[in-house]
Amino acid sequence: MLIVHVHVHVKAEHVDAFAAATLDNARQSVQEPGIARFDVLTSSDDPTRFVLVEVYRTAADPARHKETAHYKKWRDTVETMMAEPRSSTKLTNVFPPDAGW
């Protein structure tokens, strides 16, 4: 399993549009066979801060995800909504066991 936390800082005037575009992408992403989970979170203290939690079944699945039409649409739609470039942290699953996903 490969888990990616994507940190996004959105311009205040684009929070609602960013959330809508991101939810559309997430709903389609969870239907990909290589994605075990795709969570969209926002900070309790700052609604302009989002974290996407993407759980991939294999190390090759993120690249496949980035080739989908819904990802490309999301990427292009939200590009100008960000207050700064998004960043990510890649993690390896420890618990629960991969079979539990």
C-alpha atoms as a PDB file:
ATOM      1  CA  MET A   1       0.000   0.000   0.000  1.00  0.00           C
ATOM      2  CA  LEU A   2       1.103   3.533  -0.700  1.00  0.00           C
ATOM      3  CA  ILE A   3      -0.562   6.366   1.181  1.00  0.00           C
ATOM      4  CA  VAL A   4      -0.190   9.940  -0.007  1.00  0.00           C
ATOM      5  CA  HIS A   5      -1.210  12.989   2.029  1.00  0.00           C
ATOM      6  CA  VAL A   6      -1.648  15.949  -0.305  1.00  0.00           C
ATOM      7  CA  HIS A   7      -1.651  19.343   1.437  1.00  0.00           C
ATOM      8  CA  VAL A   8      -3.476  22.139  -0.363  1.00  0.00           C
ATOM      9  CA  HIS A   9      -3.824  25.795   0.600  1.00  0.00           C
ATOM     10  CA  VAL A  10      -6.703  27.358  -1.330  1.00  0.00           C
ATOM     11  CA  LYS A  11      -7.408  31.044  -1.893  1.00  0.00           C
ATOM     12  CA  ALA A  12     -10.306  32.023   0.386  1.00  0.00           C
ATOM     13  CA  GLU A  13     -12.549  33.084  -2.489  1.00  0.00           C
ATOM     14  CA  HIS A  14     -12.218  29.634  -4.094  1.00  0.00           C
ATOM     15  CA  VAL A  15     -12.884  27.344  -1.107  1.00  0.00           C
ATOM     16  CA  ASP A  16     -16.368  26.284  -2.221  1.00  0.00           C
ATOM     17  CA  ALA A  17     -15.385  25.759  -5.861  1.00  0.00           C
ATOM     18  CA  PHE A  18     -12.256  23.839  -4.832  1.00  0.00           C
ATOM     19  CA  ALA A  19     -14.286  21.614  -2.514  1.00  0.00           C
ATOM     20  CA  ALA A  20     -16.845  20.879  -5.233  1.00  0.00           C
ATOM     21  CA  ALA A  21     -14.199  20.012  -7.839  1.00  0.00           C
ATOM     22  CA  THR A  22     -12.268  17.903  -5.335  1.00  0.00           C
ATOM     23  CA  LEU A  23     -15.349  15.963  -4.219  1.00  0.00           C
ATOM     24  CA  ASP A  24     -16.174  15.204  -7.853  1.00  0.00           C
ATOM     25  CA  ASN A  25     -12.638  13.916  -8.385  1.00  0.00           C
ATOM     26  CA  ALA A  26     -12.714  11.878  -5.149  1.00  0.00           C
ATOM     27  CA  ARG A  27     -16.045  10.224  -5.995  1.00  0.00           C
ATOM     28  CA  GLN A  28     -14.653   9.083  -9.334  1.00  0.00           C
ATOM     29  CA  SER A  29     -11.247   8.159  -7.923  1.00  0.00           C
ATOM     30  CA  VAL A  30     -12.631   5.647  -5.403  1.00  0.00           C
ATOM     31  CA  GLN A  31     -14.043   3.709  -8.348  1.00  0.00           C
ATOM     32  CA  GLU A  32     -10.568   3.073  -9.745  1.00  0.00           C
ATOM     33  CA  PRO A  33      -9.416  -0.488  -8.956  1.00  0.00           C
ATOM     34  CA  GLY A  34      -6.021   0.783  -7.735  1.00  0.00           C
ATOM     35  CA  ILE A  35      -7.444   3.167  -5.142  1.00  0.00           C
ATOM     36  CA  ALA A  36      -8.445   1.720  -1.780  1.00  0.00           C
ATOM     37  CA  ARG A  37      -9.444   5.044  -0.257  1.00  0.00           C
ATOM     38  CA  PHE A  38      -9.610   8.737  -1.177  1.00  0.00           C
ATOM     39  CA  ASP A  39     -10.483  11.123   1.663  1.00  0.00           C
ATOM     40  CA  VAL A  40     -11.025  14.872   1.449  1.00  0.00           C
ATOM     41  CA  LEU A  41     -10.398  16.721   4.719  1.00  0.00           C
ATOM     42  CA  THR A  42     -10.352  20.381   5.696  1.00  0.00           C
ATOM     43  CA  SER A  43      -8.752  22.039   8.687  1.00  0.00           C
ATOM     44  CA  SER A  44     -11.017  22.775  11.654  1.00  0.00           C
ATOM     45  CA  ASP A  45      -9.053  25.988  12.226  1.00  0.00           C
ATOM     46  CA  ASP A  46      -8.599  27.205   8.652  1.00  0.00           C
ATOM     47  CA  PRO A  47     -11.141  26.339   5.923  1.00  0.00           C
ATOM     48  CA  THR A  48      -8.597  27.241   3.227  1.00  0.00           C
ATOM     49  CA  ARG A  49      -6.400  24.267   4.208  1.00  0.00           C
ATOM     50  CA  PHE A  50      -7.244  20.844   2.783  1.00  0.00           C
ATOM     51  CA  VAL A  51      -5.628  17.429   3.056  1.00  0.00           C
ATOM     52  CA  LEU A  52      -6.342  14.690   0.535  1.00  0.00           C
ATOM     53  CA  VAL A  53      -5.605  11.192   1.816  1.00  0.00           C
ATOM     54  CA  GLU A  54      -5.053   8.899  -1.137  1.00  0.00           C
ATOM     55  CA  VAL A  55      -4.515   5.181  -0.458  1.00  0.00           C
ATOM     56  CA  TYR A  56      -3.172   3.222  -3.425  1.00  0.00           C
ATOM     57  CA  ARG A  57      -2.951  -0.553  -3.664  1.00  0.00           C
ATOM     58  CA  THR A  58       0.422  -0.552  -5.468  1.00  0.00           C
ATOM     59  CA  ALA A  59       3.230   1.900  -6.154  1.00  0.00           C
ATOM     60  CA  ALA A  60       2.171   1.983  -9.836  1.00  0.00           C
ATOM     61  CA  ASP A  61      -1.391   3.116  -9.121  1.00  0.00           C
ATOM     62  CA  PRO A  62      -0.700   6.855  -8.555  1.00  0.00           C
ATOM     63  CA  ALA A  63       0.653   7.148 -12.098  1.00  0.00           C
ATOM     64  CA  ARG A  64      -2.429   5.379 -13.469  1.00  0.00           C
ATOM     65  CA  HIS A  65      -4.643   7.728 -11.446  1.00  0.00           C
ATOM     66  CA  LYS A  66      -2.905  10.764 -12.927  1.00  0.00           C
ATOM     67  CA  GLU A  67      -3.776   9.540 -16.433  1.00  0.00           C
ATOM     68  CA  THR A  68      -7.541   9.491 -15.789  1.00  0.00           C
ATOM     69  CA  ALA A  69      -9.807  12.118 -17.312  1.00  0.00           C
ATOM     70  CA  HIS A  70     -11.283  13.043 -13.923  1.00  0.00           C
ATOM     71  CA  TYR A  71      -7.846  13.693 -12.383  1.00  0.00           C
ATOM     72  CA  LYS A  72      -6.752  15.828 -15.337  1.00  0.00           C
ATOM     73  CA  LYS A  73     -10.004  17.793 -15.150  1.00  0.00           C
ATOM     74  CA  TRP A  74      -9.495  18.347 -11.397  1.00  0.00           C
ATOM     75  CA  ARG A  75      -5.844  19.367 -11.838  1.00  0.00           C
ATOM     76  CA  ASP A  76      -6.669  21.902 -14.523  1.00  0.00           C
ATOM     77  CA  THR A  77      -9.748  23.227 -12.717  1.00  0.00           C
ATOM     78  CA  VAL A  78      -8.097  23.870  -9.346  1.00  0.00           C
ATOM     79  CA  GLU A  79      -4.686  25.063 -10.537  1.00  0.00           C
ATOM     80  CA  THR A  80      -5.504  28.772 -10.210  1.00  0.00           C
ATOM     81  CA  MET A  81      -7.462  28.272  -6.968  1.00  0.00           C
ATOM     82  CA  MET A  82      -4.390  27.435  -4.904  1.00  0.00           C
ATOM     83  CA  ALA A  83      -2.673  30.033  -2.739  1.00  0.00           C
ATOM     84  CA  GLU A  84       0.603  28.106  -3.119  1.00  0.00           C
ATOM     85  CA  PRO A  85       1.723  24.905  -4.844  1.00  0.00           C
ATOM     86  CA  ARG A  86       0.351  21.757  -3.250  1.00  0.00           C
ATOM     87  CA  SER A  87       2.751  19.443  -1.435  1.00  0.00           C
ATOM     88  CA  SER A  88       2.611  15.779  -0.565  1.00  0.00           C
ATOM     89  CA  THR A  89       3.992  13.234   1.832  1.00  0.00           C
ATOM     90  CA  LYS A  90       4.278   9.570   0.830  1.00  0.00           C
ATOM     91  CA  LEU A  91       3.731   6.992   3.553  1.00  0.00           C
ATOM     92  CA  THR A  92       3.869   3.216   3.896  1.00  0.00           C
ATOM     93  CA  ASN A  93       1.078   1.347   5.604  1.00  0.00           C
ATOM     94  CA  VAL A  94       1.805  -0.240   8.989  1.00  0.00           C
ATOM     95  CA  PHE A  95      -1.674  -0.968  10.380  1.00  0.00           C
ATOM     96  CA  PRO A  96      -4.256  -2.218   9.613  1.00  0.00           C
ATOM     97  CA  PRO A  97      -2.801  -4.920   7.392  1.00  0.00           C
ATOM     98  CA  ASP A  98      -3.063  -4.249   3.656  1.00  0.00           C
ATOM     99  CA  ALA A  99      -5.690  -6.993   3.356  1.00  0.00           C
ATOM    100  CA  GLY A 100      -7.951  -4.892   5.605  1.00  0.00           C
ATOM    101  CA  TRP A 101      -8.271  -2.160   3.012  1.00  0.00           C
END
